Amino acid sequence: MTQNPVKRYPVEKTDSEWKRILTPEQYFVTRQKGTERAFSGKFWNNREKGSYRCVCCNAELFRTDAQFDNGSGWPTFSRVANPRNVEETEMPGGRGNELTCSRCGAYLGRSTPDGSAPGRLKYTINSAALLFERNK
């Protein structure tokens, strides 16, 4: 029987290193695939212009020009800023795709088909997985 190899990422840290640099909520979301409560994250209704980066490795993930409010209580986007930085893995039961950062493996959220979203796909992301960088 062949075992699947462990996925390797360009940015890797031990569990104790992640716990040292992340807040408990950031660790729960990004390293344990948790989900923050709706309307509790700091970016679900952000109106400033800029880009969102991975809280674990600073990879650019999304931009505010693709952010829209679908009433879910999480930051929601119609497209990723840099497709090379986001991995999509199909979730069981056709419930959409799990999204992770391709540089460090951080869990971000999920993508699902949505006829109301520009581009017909929505990316629903946990605020705790994101850093915000304002446009200058």
N, C-alpha and C. Protein backbone atom coordinates (compact mmCIF):
# COMPACT_ATOMS: atom_id res chain seq x y z
N MET A 1 0.85 -1.17 0.00
CA MET A 1 0.00 0.00 0.00
C MET A 1 0.90 1.25 0.00
N THR A 2 0.61 2.17 -0.90
CA THR A 2 1.38 3.40 -1.01
C THR A 2 0.68 4.51 -0.24
N GLN A 3 1.44 5.21 0.57
CA GLN A 3 0.87 6.33 1.31
C GLN A 3 1.06 7.61 0.50
N ASN A 4 0.10 8.52 0.62
CA ASN A 4 0.23 9.81 -0.03
C ASN A 4 1.33 10.60 0.66
N PRO A 5 2.23 11.22 -0.13
CA PRO A 5 3.27 12.03 0.51
C PRO A 5 2.66 13.28 1.15
N VAL A 6 3.32 13.76 2.17
CA VAL A 6 2.87 14.98 2.84
C VAL A 6 3.12 16.16 1.91
N LYS A 7 2.13 17.02 1.77
CA LYS A 7 2.25 18.20 0.91
C LYS A 7 3.29 19.14 1.50
N ARG A 8 4.21 19.62 0.67
CA ARG A 8 5.24 20.55 1.10
C ARG A 8 4.94 21.93 0.53
N TYR A 9 5.25 22.97 1.30
CA TYR A 9 5.00 24.35 0.90
C TYR A 9 6.30 25.15 0.97
N PRO A 10 6.42 26.19 0.14
CA PRO A 10 7.61 27.04 0.21
C PRO A 10 7.83 27.67 1.59
N VAL A 11 6.74 28.00 2.29
CA VAL A 11 6.83 28.56 3.64
C VAL A 11 6.31 27.51 4.61
N GLU A 12 7.19 26.97 5.45
CA GLU A 12 6.79 25.97 6.43
C GLU A 12 7.33 26.35 7.80
N LYS A 13 6.52 26.09 8.81
CA LYS A 13 6.90 26.33 10.20
C LYS A 13 6.37 25.18 11.04
N THR A 14 6.94 25.00 12.21
CA THR A 14 6.41 24.00 13.13
C THR A 14 5.13 24.53 13.75
N ASP A 15 4.38 23.63 14.34
CA ASP A 15 3.14 24.02 15.02
C ASP A 15 3.42 25.07 16.10
N SER A 16 4.47 24.88 16.87
CA SER A 16 4.78 25.84 17.93
C SER A 16 5.20 27.19 17.35
N GLU A 17 5.85 27.22 16.20
CA GLU A 17 6.19 28.50 15.55
C GLU A 17 4.93 29.22 15.09
N TRP A 18 3.99 28.49 14.48
CA TRP A 18 2.73 29.13 14.06
C TRP A 18 2.00 29.69 15.27
N LYS A 19 1.95 28.93 16.36
CA LYS A 19 1.25 29.41 17.56
C LYS A 19 1.91 30.66 18.14
N ARG A 20 3.20 30.79 17.97
CA ARG A 20 3.92 31.94 18.50
C ARG A 20 3.65 33.21 17.67
N ILE A 21 3.48 33.08 16.35
CA ILE A 21 3.33 34.27 15.52
C ILE A 21 1.88 34.64 15.19
N LEU A 22 0.95 33.72 15.39
CA LEU A 22 -0.46 33.98 15.09
C LEU A 22 -1.26 34.18 16.37
N THR A 23 -2.36 34.93 16.27
CA THR A 23 -3.29 35.02 17.40
C THR A 23 -4.00 33.67 17.51
N PRO A 24 -4.64 33.39 18.64
CA PRO A 24 -5.38 32.13 18.75
C PRO A 24 -6.43 31.96 17.65
N GLU A 25 -7.14 33.04 17.30
CA GLU A 25 -8.15 32.92 16.24
C GLU A 25 -7.51 32.68 14.88
N GLN A 26 -6.43 33.37 14.57
CA GLN A 26 -5.74 33.15 13.31
C GLN A 26 -5.23 31.71 13.21
N TYR A 27 -4.69 31.20 14.31
CA TYR A 27 -4.21 29.82 14.33
C TYR A 27 -5.36 28.84 14.11
N PHE A 28 -6.46 29.04 14.82
CA PHE A 28 -7.64 28.17 14.68
C PHE A 28 -8.12 28.12 13.24
N VAL A 29 -8.24 29.29 12.60
CA VAL A 29 -8.75 29.35 11.23
C VAL A 29 -7.74 28.78 10.24
N THR A 30 -6.51 29.29 10.26
CA THR A 30 -5.55 28.95 9.20
C THR A 30 -4.88 27.60 9.35
N ARG A 31 -4.63 27.17 10.57
CA ARG A 31 -3.88 25.93 10.77
C ARG A 31 -4.79 24.75 11.14
N GLN A 32 -6.00 25.03 11.70
CA GLN A 32 -6.91 23.96 12.09
C GLN A 32 -8.18 23.94 11.24
N LYS A 33 -8.20 24.72 10.17
CA LYS A 33 -9.34 24.79 9.25
C LYS A 33 -10.63 25.18 9.95
N GLY A 34 -10.53 26.15 10.83
CA GLY A 34 -11.70 26.65 11.54
C GLY A 34 -12.44 27.70 10.71
N THR A 35 -13.60 28.08 11.20
CA THR A 35 -14.39 29.14 10.57
C THR A 35 -14.82 30.12 11.65
N GLU A 36 -14.52 31.40 11.40
CA GLU A 36 -14.95 32.43 12.35
C GLU A 36 -16.46 32.63 12.24
N ARG A 37 -17.07 33.15 13.28
CA ARG A 37 -18.50 33.42 13.25
C ARG A 37 -18.81 34.50 12.22
N ALA A 38 -19.94 34.37 11.55
CA ALA A 38 -20.37 35.38 10.58
C ALA A 38 -20.48 36.74 11.26
N PHE A 39 -20.13 37.77 10.53
CA PHE A 39 -20.20 39.17 10.98
C PHE A 39 -19.26 39.47 12.14
N SER A 40 -18.32 38.58 12.45
CA SER A 40 -17.39 38.82 13.57
C SER A 40 -16.01 39.27 13.10
N GLY A 41 -15.66 39.00 11.86
CA GLY A 41 -14.33 39.35 11.35
C GLY A 41 -14.23 40.82 10.98
N LYS A 42 -13.01 41.33 10.95
CA LYS A 42 -12.84 42.77 10.72
C LYS A 42 -12.96 43.19 9.27
N PHE A 43 -13.01 42.28 8.32
CA PHE A 43 -13.04 42.68 6.91
C PHE A 43 -14.34 42.37 6.17
N TRP A 44 -15.34 41.82 6.84
CA TRP A 44 -16.56 41.42 6.12
C TRP A 44 -17.25 42.60 5.45
N ASN A 45 -17.10 43.80 6.01
CA ASN A 45 -17.74 44.98 5.41
C ASN A 45 -16.73 46.09 5.11
N ASN A 46 -15.50 45.71 4.83
CA ASN A 46 -14.45 46.69 4.53
C ASN A 46 -14.80 47.48 3.27
N ARG A 47 -14.68 48.80 3.34
CA ARG A 47 -14.96 49.66 2.18
C ARG A 47 -13.71 50.38 1.68
N GLU A 48 -12.57 50.15 2.34
CA GLU A 48 -11.33 50.78 1.90
C GLU A 48 -10.79 50.04 0.68
N LYS A 49 -10.01 50.74 -0.14
CA LYS A 49 -9.43 50.15 -1.35
C LYS A 49 -8.05 49.59 -1.01
N GLY A 50 -7.78 48.39 -1.51
CA GLY A 50 -6.48 47.78 -1.27
C GLY A 50 -6.48 46.31 -1.63
N SER A 51 -5.54 45.59 -1.02
CA SER A 51 -5.42 44.16 -1.29
C SER A 51 -5.33 43.39 0.02
N TYR A 52 -5.69 42.13 -0.07
CA TYR A 52 -5.65 41.22 1.08
C TYR A 52 -4.52 40.22 0.86
N ARG A 53 -3.79 39.98 1.93
CA ARG A 53 -2.66 39.06 1.89
C ARG A 53 -2.86 37.96 2.93
N CYS A 54 -2.17 36.86 2.74
CA CYS A 54 -2.22 35.76 3.70
C CYS A 54 -1.59 36.20 5.02
N VAL A 55 -2.29 35.97 6.12
CA VAL A 55 -1.80 36.36 7.43
C VAL A 55 -0.57 35.54 7.84
N CYS A 56 -0.39 34.38 7.23
CA CYS A 56 0.73 33.51 7.60
C CYS A 56 2.00 33.78 6.80
N CYS A 57 1.87 34.13 5.51
CA CYS A 57 3.07 34.26 4.67
C CYS A 57 3.10 35.51 3.80
N ASN A 58 2.07 36.34 3.86
CA ASN A 58 2.00 37.61 3.14
C ASN A 58 1.79 37.47 1.63
N ALA A 59 1.39 36.32 1.14
CA ALA A 59 1.10 36.17 -0.29
C ALA A 59 -0.14 36.97 -0.65
N GLU A 60 -0.12 37.66 -1.79
CA GLU A 60 -1.31 38.40 -2.22
C GLU A 60 -2.39 37.40 -2.64
N LEU A 61 -3.61 37.60 -2.12
CA LEU A 61 -4.71 36.67 -2.36
C LEU A 61 -5.88 37.32 -3.09
N PHE A 62 -6.37 38.45 -2.59
CA PHE A 62 -7.57 39.11 -3.13
C PHE A 62 -7.39 40.62 -3.15
N ARG A 63 -8.21 41.29 -3.96
CA ARG A 63 -8.22 42.76 -4.01
C ARG A 63 -9.65 43.25 -3.78
N THR A 64 -9.75 44.45 -3.25
CA THR A 64 -11.07 44.99 -2.93
C THR A 64 -11.91 45.27 -4.17
N ASP A 65 -11.28 45.43 -5.34
CA ASP A 65 -12.10 45.65 -6.54
C ASP A 65 -12.91 44.42 -6.92
N ALA A 66 -12.61 43.27 -6.31
CA ALA A 66 -13.38 42.05 -6.54
C ALA A 66 -14.24 41.68 -5.33
N GLN A 67 -14.25 42.52 -4.29
CA GLN A 67 -15.02 42.24 -3.07
C GLN A 67 -16.45 42.75 -3.24
N PHE A 68 -17.40 41.95 -2.78
CA PHE A 68 -18.80 42.38 -2.80
C PHE A 68 -19.51 41.86 -1.57
N ASP A 69 -20.61 42.49 -1.23
CA ASP A 69 -21.38 42.10 -0.04
C ASP A 69 -22.54 41.22 -0.47
N ASN A 70 -22.47 39.96 -0.09
CA ASN A 70 -23.57 39.04 -0.41
C ASN A 70 -24.41 38.73 0.82
N GLY A 71 -24.17 39.46 1.92
CA GLY A 71 -24.96 39.28 3.13
C GLY A 71 -24.55 38.12 4.00
N SER A 72 -23.44 37.45 3.67
CA SER A 72 -23.03 36.25 4.42
C SER A 72 -22.33 36.57 5.74
N GLY A 73 -21.73 37.77 5.85
CA GLY A 73 -20.99 38.11 7.06
C GLY A 73 -19.52 37.76 7.00
N TRP A 74 -19.03 37.33 5.84
CA TRP A 74 -17.62 37.07 5.61
C TRP A 74 -17.17 37.87 4.40
N PRO A 75 -15.90 38.22 4.31
CA PRO A 75 -15.41 38.86 3.10
C PRO A 75 -15.64 37.92 1.91
N THR A 76 -16.24 38.45 0.86
CA THR A 76 -16.59 37.64 -0.31
C THR A 76 -16.06 38.32 -1.56
N PHE A 77 -15.50 37.52 -2.46
CA PHE A 77 -14.84 38.03 -3.65
C PHE A 77 -15.32 37.27 -4.88
N SER A 78 -15.25 37.94 -6.04
CA SER A 78 -15.64 37.31 -7.30
C SER A 78 -14.46 36.67 -8.02
N ARG A 79 -13.23 36.98 -7.58
CA ARG A 79 -12.04 36.37 -8.20
C ARG A 79 -10.85 36.53 -7.25
N VAL A 80 -9.83 35.73 -7.49
CA VAL A 80 -8.59 35.84 -6.72
C VAL A 80 -7.67 36.83 -7.43
N ALA A 81 -6.77 37.45 -6.68
CA ALA A 81 -5.83 38.41 -7.26
C ALA A 81 -4.71 37.70 -8.01
N ASN A 82 -4.21 36.63 -7.44
CA ASN A 82 -3.12 35.87 -8.05
C ASN A 82 -3.44 34.39 -7.94
N PRO A 83 -3.96 33.79 -9.01
CA PRO A 83 -4.38 32.38 -8.95
C PRO A 83 -3.27 31.41 -8.52
N ARG A 84 -2.01 31.78 -8.71
CA ARG A 84 -0.92 30.89 -8.28
C ARG A 84 -0.82 30.79 -6.76
N ASN A 85 -1.40 31.75 -6.04
CA ASN A 85 -1.30 31.76 -4.58
C ASN A 85 -2.46 31.08 -3.87
N VAL A 86 -3.46 30.61 -4.61
CA VAL A 86 -4.64 29.99 -4.00
C VAL A 86 -4.87 28.61 -4.60
N GLU A 87 -4.94 27.59 -3.75
CA GLU A 87 -5.26 26.23 -4.18
C GLU A 87 -6.71 25.93 -3.87
N GLU A 88 -7.37 25.24 -4.79
CA GLU A 88 -8.76 24.82 -4.58
C GLU A 88 -8.81 23.30 -4.56
N THR A 89 -9.44 22.75 -3.54
CA THR A 89 -9.61 21.31 -3.41
C THR A 89 -11.10 21.03 -3.28
N GLU A 90 -11.61 20.14 -4.13
CA GLU A 90 -13.04 19.84 -4.12
C GLU A 90 -13.46 19.26 -2.78
N MET A 91 -14.56 19.79 -2.25
CA MET A 91 -15.11 19.30 -0.99
C MET A 91 -16.07 18.16 -1.28
N PRO A 92 -16.18 17.19 -0.38
CA PRO A 92 -17.11 16.07 -0.59
C PRO A 92 -18.55 16.55 -0.72
N GLY A 93 -19.31 15.87 -1.52
CA GLY A 93 -20.73 16.17 -1.65
C GLY A 93 -21.04 17.36 -2.54
N GLY A 94 -20.06 17.82 -3.31
CA GLY A 94 -20.30 18.92 -4.23
C GLY A 94 -20.64 20.23 -3.57
N ARG A 95 -20.11 20.46 -2.35
CA ARG A 95 -20.42 21.68 -1.60
C ARG A 95 -19.47 22.83 -1.93
N GLY A 96 -18.72 22.72 -2.99
CA GLY A 96 -17.77 23.76 -3.35
C GLY A 96 -16.35 23.29 -3.16
N ASN A 97 -15.44 24.23 -3.12
CA ASN A 97 -14.02 23.94 -2.99
C ASN A 97 -13.44 24.58 -1.75
N GLU A 98 -12.57 23.84 -1.07
CA GLU A 98 -11.82 24.37 0.05
C GLU A 98 -10.66 25.19 -0.53
N LEU A 99 -10.40 26.36 0.05
CA LEU A 99 -9.33 27.24 -0.42
C LEU A 99 -8.19 27.29 0.58
N THR A 100 -6.98 27.09 0.09
CA THR A 100 -5.80 27.22 0.93
C THR A 100 -4.76 28.07 0.21
N CYS A 101 -3.87 28.66 0.97
CA CYS A 101 -2.76 29.42 0.41
C CYS A 101 -1.74 28.42 -0.15
N SER A 102 -1.34 28.60 -1.39
CA SER A 102 -0.41 27.65 -2.01
C SER A 102 1.04 27.87 -1.56
N ARG A 103 1.31 28.96 -0.85
CA ARG A 103 2.67 29.20 -0.36
C ARG A 103 2.92 28.61 1.03
N CYS A 104 1.85 28.54 1.87
CA CYS A 104 2.08 28.07 3.24
C CYS A 104 1.04 27.06 3.73
N GLY A 105 0.01 26.79 2.93
CA GLY A 105 -1.02 25.82 3.32
C GLY A 105 -2.08 26.35 4.25
N ALA A 106 -2.12 27.65 4.49
CA ALA A 106 -3.13 28.23 5.39
C ALA A 106 -4.53 28.04 4.82
N TYR A 107 -5.45 27.59 5.67
CA TYR A 107 -6.85 27.49 5.26
C TYR A 107 -7.42 28.90 5.19
N LEU A 108 -8.12 29.20 4.08
CA LEU A 108 -8.66 30.54 3.86
C LEU A 108 -10.18 30.58 3.96
N GLY A 109 -10.85 29.61 3.35
CA GLY A 109 -12.31 29.60 3.27
C GLY A 109 -12.72 28.65 2.17
N ARG A 110 -13.73 29.06 1.38
CA ARG A 110 -14.17 28.17 0.30
C ARG A 110 -14.73 28.95 -0.87
N SER A 111 -14.81 28.28 -1.99
CA SER A 111 -15.45 28.86 -3.18
C SER A 111 -16.67 28.01 -3.51
N THR A 112 -17.71 28.68 -3.96
CA THR A 112 -18.94 27.99 -4.34
C THR A 112 -19.53 28.67 -5.56
N PRO A 113 -20.28 27.90 -6.37
CA PRO A 113 -20.98 28.52 -7.49
C PRO A 113 -22.04 29.47 -6.94
N ASP A 114 -22.19 30.61 -7.59
CA ASP A 114 -23.19 31.58 -7.15
C ASP A 114 -23.58 32.43 -8.34
N GLY A 115 -24.80 32.26 -8.79
CA GLY A 115 -25.28 33.01 -9.94
C GLY A 115 -25.30 34.50 -9.75
N SER A 116 -25.33 34.98 -8.49
CA SER A 116 -25.38 36.42 -8.26
C SER A 116 -23.99 37.06 -8.26
N ALA A 117 -22.95 36.26 -8.15
CA ALA A 117 -21.60 36.80 -8.10
C ALA A 117 -21.10 37.14 -9.50
N PRO A 118 -20.41 38.27 -9.63
CA PRO A 118 -19.77 38.54 -10.92
C PRO A 118 -18.79 37.40 -11.22
N GLY A 119 -18.87 36.79 -12.38
CA GLY A 119 -18.03 35.65 -12.69
C GLY A 119 -18.64 34.33 -12.28
N ARG A 120 -19.79 34.37 -11.63
CA ARG A 120 -20.57 33.18 -11.26
C ARG A 120 -19.92 32.27 -10.21
N LEU A 121 -18.85 32.72 -9.57
CA LEU A 121 -18.22 31.96 -8.51
C LEU A 121 -17.93 32.93 -7.37
N LYS A 122 -18.18 32.51 -6.15
CA LYS A 122 -17.85 33.40 -5.02
C LYS A 122 -16.83 32.72 -4.13
N TYR A 123 -15.94 33.54 -3.61
CA TYR A 123 -14.88 33.11 -2.72
C TYR A 123 -15.19 33.72 -1.35
N THR A 124 -15.58 32.89 -0.40
CA THR A 124 -15.95 33.34 0.94
C THR A 124 -14.79 33.02 1.87
N ILE A 125 -14.22 34.06 2.46
CA ILE A 125 -12.94 33.95 3.16
C ILE A 125 -13.08 34.40 4.62
N ASN A 126 -12.35 33.76 5.50
CA ASN A 126 -12.29 34.16 6.91
C ASN A 126 -11.40 35.39 7.05
N SER A 127 -11.90 36.43 7.72
CA SER A 127 -11.08 37.62 7.98
C SER A 127 -9.79 37.28 8.72
N ALA A 128 -9.86 36.31 9.62
CA ALA A 128 -8.69 35.93 10.42
C ALA A 128 -7.55 35.38 9.58
N ALA A 129 -7.82 34.99 8.35
CA ALA A 129 -6.78 34.48 7.45
C ALA A 129 -6.12 35.59 6.64
N LEU A 130 -6.59 36.82 6.83
CA LEU A 130 -6.17 37.92 5.95
C LEU A 130 -5.46 39.06 6.68
N LEU A 131 -4.55 39.69 5.95
CA LEU A 131 -3.97 40.98 6.31
C LEU A 131 -4.44 41.95 5.24
N PHE A 132 -4.73 43.19 5.61
CA PHE A 132 -5.18 44.17 4.62
C PHE A 132 -4.10 45.21 4.39
N GLU A 133 -3.86 45.51 3.12
CA GLU A 133 -2.89 46.53 2.73
C GLU A 133 -3.61 47.58 1.91
N ARG A 134 -3.71 48.80 2.44
CA ARG A 134 -4.41 49.89 1.74
C ARG A 134 -3.63 50.31 0.50
N ASN A 135 -4.37 50.73 -0.52
CA ASN A 135 -3.73 51.34 -1.69
C ASN A 135 -3.09 52.64 -1.25
N LYS A 136 -1.98 52.94 -1.85
CA LYS A 136 -1.29 54.20 -1.52
C LYS A 136 -1.70 55.30 -2.44
